[in-house]
Amino acid sequence: MNNLFDKVFSVNEMKLSVLVIIFFISSVFALTMYVTGKGITDNLLTFLITLICAITGINAMNMTKDSITIFKEKAKNTKAE
């Protein structure tokens, strides 16, 4: 089971999926508060903004890592030729 878990999910994917699930649950809660007329608290709005920034940051770092890896592979192939 542990080997399967390591092969299927990386640490970054787990962080991202947990953040997305928490964001979805918080968004549903905020929508429910808004519909019932109680209003959305400032703390919940700050929490939602923080989750959006965290998800965006993880995606940006993954894209940067992938770009650097591709650049290094191209440089390595150029030197080999």
N, C-alpha and C. Protein backbone atom coordinates (compact mmCIF):
# COMPACT_ATOMS: atom_id res chain seq x y z
N MET A 1 0.83 -1.20 0.00
CA MET A 1 0.00 0.00 0.00
C MET A 1 0.86 1.25 0.00
N ASN A 2 1.93 1.24 0.78
CA ASN A 2 2.78 2.42 0.85
C ASN A 2 3.49 2.66 -0.47
N ASN A 3 3.93 1.60 -1.15
CA ASN A 3 4.57 1.76 -2.46
C ASN A 3 3.58 2.30 -3.49
N LEU A 4 2.36 1.83 -3.44
CA LEU A 4 1.33 2.33 -4.35
C LEU A 4 1.08 3.81 -4.10
N PHE A 5 1.02 4.19 -2.83
CA PHE A 5 0.79 5.59 -2.48
C PHE A 5 1.93 6.47 -3.00
N ASP A 6 3.16 6.01 -2.87
CA ASP A 6 4.31 6.78 -3.34
C ASP A 6 4.32 6.92 -4.86
N LYS A 7 3.88 5.87 -5.57
CA LYS A 7 3.88 5.91 -7.02
C LYS A 7 2.76 6.77 -7.59
N VAL A 8 1.61 6.77 -6.92
CA VAL A 8 0.45 7.47 -7.46
C VAL A 8 0.48 8.96 -7.13
N PHE A 9 0.83 9.30 -5.90
CA PHE A 9 0.79 10.70 -5.48
C PHE A 9 2.17 11.17 -5.06
N SER A 10 2.55 12.33 -5.56
CA SER A 10 3.76 12.96 -5.05
C SER A 10 3.35 13.91 -3.93
N VAL A 11 4.33 14.45 -3.23
CA VAL A 11 4.03 15.34 -2.11
C VAL A 11 3.31 16.59 -2.60
N ASN A 12 3.75 17.15 -3.71
CA ASN A 12 3.13 18.37 -4.22
C ASN A 12 1.68 18.13 -4.64
N GLU A 13 1.41 16.98 -5.23
CA GLU A 13 0.03 16.68 -5.63
C GLU A 13 -0.86 16.53 -4.41
N MET A 14 -0.34 15.94 -3.35
CA MET A 14 -1.14 15.78 -2.13
C MET A 14 -1.41 17.13 -1.50
N LYS A 15 -0.39 18.00 -1.44
CA LYS A 15 -0.59 19.34 -0.88
C LYS A 15 -1.65 20.08 -1.68
N LEU A 16 -1.53 20.01 -2.98
CA LEU A 16 -2.46 20.74 -3.83
C LEU A 16 -3.87 20.19 -3.71
N SER A 17 -4.03 18.87 -3.70
CA SER A 17 -5.37 18.32 -3.65
C SER A 17 -6.04 18.60 -2.31
N VAL A 18 -5.28 18.57 -1.23
CA VAL A 18 -5.84 18.89 0.09
C VAL A 18 -6.26 20.35 0.12
N LEU A 19 -5.45 21.24 -0.43
CA LEU A 19 -5.81 22.66 -0.46
C LEU A 19 -7.06 22.90 -1.29
N VAL A 20 -7.18 22.21 -2.39
CA VAL A 20 -8.36 22.36 -3.25
C VAL A 20 -9.61 21.87 -2.54
N ILE A 21 -9.50 20.75 -1.85
CA ILE A 21 -10.66 20.22 -1.10
C ILE A 21 -11.06 21.19 0.00
N ILE A 22 -10.10 21.71 0.75
CA ILE A 22 -10.40 22.69 1.80
C ILE A 22 -11.01 23.94 1.20
N PHE A 23 -10.49 24.39 0.06
CA PHE A 23 -11.05 25.58 -0.58
C PHE A 23 -12.49 25.34 -1.01
N PHE A 24 -12.78 24.15 -1.57
CA PHE A 24 -14.12 23.84 -2.01
C PHE A 24 -15.09 23.82 -0.82
N ILE A 25 -14.69 23.18 0.27
CA ILE A 25 -15.55 23.12 1.46
C ILE A 25 -15.77 24.52 2.02
N SER A 26 -14.72 25.32 2.08
CA SER A 26 -14.86 26.69 2.60
C SER A 26 -15.73 27.55 1.69
N SER A 27 -15.62 27.35 0.39
CA SER A 27 -16.45 28.11 -0.55
C SER A 27 -17.92 27.75 -0.40
N VAL A 28 -18.20 26.47 -0.22
CA VAL A 28 -19.59 26.05 -0.01
C VAL A 28 -20.12 26.64 1.29
N PHE A 29 -19.30 26.64 2.32
CA PHE A 29 -19.70 27.23 3.60
C PHE A 29 -19.96 28.74 3.45
N ALA A 30 -19.07 29.43 2.72
CA ALA A 30 -19.25 30.87 2.51
C ALA A 30 -20.51 31.16 1.70
N LEU A 31 -20.76 30.35 0.69
CA LEU A 31 -21.97 30.51 -0.12
C LEU A 31 -23.22 30.28 0.72
N THR A 32 -23.18 29.28 1.59
CA THR A 32 -24.31 29.01 2.48
C THR A 32 -24.54 30.18 3.43
N MET A 33 -23.47 30.73 3.97
CA MET A 33 -23.61 31.90 4.87
C MET A 33 -24.20 33.08 4.11
N TYR A 34 -23.79 33.27 2.87
CA TYR A 34 -24.28 34.39 2.08
C TYR A 34 -25.76 34.23 1.76
N VAL A 35 -26.16 33.01 1.40
CA VAL A 35 -27.55 32.76 1.02
C VAL A 35 -28.48 32.90 2.22
N THR A 36 -28.02 32.45 3.38
CA THR A 36 -28.87 32.55 4.57
C THR A 36 -28.99 33.97 5.08
N GLY A 37 -28.18 34.88 4.56
CA GLY A 37 -28.28 36.29 4.92
C GLY A 37 -27.41 36.71 6.08
N LYS A 38 -26.58 35.82 6.59
CA LYS A 38 -25.71 36.17 7.71
C LYS A 38 -24.48 36.94 7.25
N GLY A 39 -24.13 36.82 6.00
CA GLY A 39 -22.95 37.50 5.47
C GLY A 39 -21.70 36.68 5.68
N ILE A 40 -20.70 36.98 4.91
CA ILE A 40 -19.42 36.28 4.99
C ILE A 40 -18.49 37.10 5.88
N THR A 41 -17.90 36.45 6.87
CA THR A 41 -17.02 37.17 7.79
C THR A 41 -15.70 37.51 7.11
N ASP A 42 -15.03 38.50 7.66
CA ASP A 42 -13.73 38.91 7.12
C ASP A 42 -12.70 37.80 7.30
N ASN A 43 -12.79 37.06 8.39
CA ASN A 43 -11.84 35.96 8.61
C ASN A 43 -11.98 34.89 7.53
N LEU A 44 -13.20 34.57 7.15
CA LEU A 44 -13.42 33.56 6.11
C LEU A 44 -12.92 34.07 4.76
N LEU A 45 -13.16 35.34 4.46
CA LEU A 45 -12.65 35.90 3.21
C LEU A 45 -11.13 35.87 3.16
N THR A 46 -10.50 36.21 4.27
CA THR A 46 -9.04 36.16 4.33
C THR A 46 -8.53 34.74 4.16
N PHE A 47 -9.23 33.79 4.77
CA PHE A 47 -8.85 32.38 4.63
C PHE A 47 -8.97 31.92 3.19
N LEU A 48 -10.05 32.31 2.51
CA LEU A 48 -10.24 31.93 1.11
C LEU A 48 -9.17 32.55 0.21
N ILE A 49 -8.83 33.80 0.47
CA ILE A 49 -7.78 34.47 -0.31
C ILE A 49 -6.43 33.79 -0.08
N THR A 50 -6.17 33.39 1.16
CA THR A 50 -4.92 32.69 1.47
C THR A 50 -4.86 31.35 0.74
N LEU A 51 -5.97 30.63 0.70
CA LEU A 51 -5.99 29.36 -0.03
C LEU A 51 -5.75 29.56 -1.51
N ILE A 52 -6.36 30.59 -2.09
CA ILE A 52 -6.15 30.89 -3.51
C ILE A 52 -4.68 31.19 -3.77
N CYS A 53 -4.06 31.98 -2.92
CA CYS A 53 -2.64 32.31 -3.09
C CYS A 53 -1.76 31.08 -2.93
N ALA A 54 -2.09 30.22 -1.99
CA ALA A 54 -1.29 29.00 -1.78
C ALA A 54 -1.39 28.07 -2.99
N ILE A 55 -2.59 27.88 -3.51
CA ILE A 55 -2.77 27.01 -4.68
C ILE A 55 -2.05 27.61 -5.89
N THR A 56 -2.17 28.90 -6.08
CA THR A 56 -1.49 29.57 -7.19
C THR A 56 0.03 29.47 -7.04
N GLY A 57 0.52 29.64 -5.82
CA GLY A 57 1.95 29.56 -5.58
C GLY A 57 2.51 28.18 -5.87
N ILE A 58 1.80 27.15 -5.45
CA ILE A 58 2.26 25.78 -5.71
C ILE A 58 2.28 25.51 -7.21
N ASN A 59 1.24 25.94 -7.92
CA ASN A 59 1.21 25.76 -9.37
C ASN A 59 2.34 26.51 -10.06
N ALA A 60 2.61 27.74 -9.61
CA ALA A 60 3.68 28.53 -10.21
C ALA A 60 5.04 27.89 -9.96
N MET A 61 5.25 27.37 -8.76
CA MET A 61 6.53 26.72 -8.46
C MET A 61 6.70 25.44 -9.29
N ASN A 62 5.63 24.69 -9.46
CA ASN A 62 5.72 23.48 -10.30
C ASN A 62 6.03 23.83 -11.75
N MET A 63 5.41 24.89 -12.26
CA MET A 63 5.69 25.31 -13.64
C MET A 63 7.12 25.78 -13.77
N THR A 64 7.62 26.50 -12.78
CA THR A 64 9.00 26.98 -12.80
C THR A 64 9.97 25.81 -12.76
N LYS A 65 9.69 24.84 -11.90
CA LYS A 65 10.54 23.65 -11.80
C LYS A 65 10.58 22.89 -13.12
N ASP A 66 9.41 22.74 -13.74
CA ASP A 66 9.36 22.04 -15.03
C ASP A 66 10.12 22.80 -16.11
N SER A 67 10.01 24.12 -16.12
CA SER A 67 10.72 24.93 -17.11
C SER A 67 12.23 24.81 -16.93
N ILE A 68 12.69 24.84 -15.68
CA ILE A 68 14.13 24.72 -15.42
C ILE A 68 14.62 23.34 -15.82
N THR A 69 13.83 22.31 -15.55
CA THR A 69 14.21 20.95 -15.93
C THR A 69 14.33 20.82 -17.44
N ILE A 70 13.37 21.37 -18.16
CA ILE A 70 13.42 21.33 -19.64
C ILE A 70 14.63 22.09 -20.16
N PHE A 71 14.91 23.26 -19.56
CA PHE A 71 16.07 24.05 -19.98
C PHE A 71 17.37 23.29 -19.75
N LYS A 72 17.49 22.62 -18.59
CA LYS A 72 18.69 21.86 -18.30
C LYS A 72 18.85 20.69 -19.26
N GLU A 73 17.75 20.02 -19.61
CA GLU A 73 17.83 18.91 -20.55
C GLU A 73 18.26 19.38 -21.93
N LYS A 74 17.75 20.54 -22.38
CA LYS A 74 18.15 21.08 -23.67
C LYS A 74 19.62 21.45 -23.67
N ALA A 75 20.09 22.04 -22.58
CA ALA A 75 21.49 22.42 -22.49
C ALA A 75 22.37 21.17 -22.47
N LYS A 76 21.93 20.14 -21.81
CA LYS A 76 22.69 18.89 -21.75
C LYS A 76 22.77 18.24 -23.13
N ASN A 77 21.65 18.25 -23.85
CA ASN A 77 21.63 17.67 -25.20
C ASN A 77 22.48 18.47 -26.17
N THR A 78 22.53 19.79 -25.99
CA THR A 78 23.34 20.62 -26.86
C THR A 78 24.82 20.36 -26.63
N LYS A 79 25.21 20.18 -25.37
CA LYS A 79 26.61 19.88 -25.07
C LYS A 79 27.01 18.50 -25.59
N ALA A 80 26.08 17.56 -25.55
CA ALA A 80 26.37 16.20 -26.02
C ALA A 80 26.61 16.15 -27.52
N GLU A 81 25.97 17.03 -28.25
CA GLU A 81 26.12 17.04 -29.72
C GLU A 81 27.41 17.71 -30.06
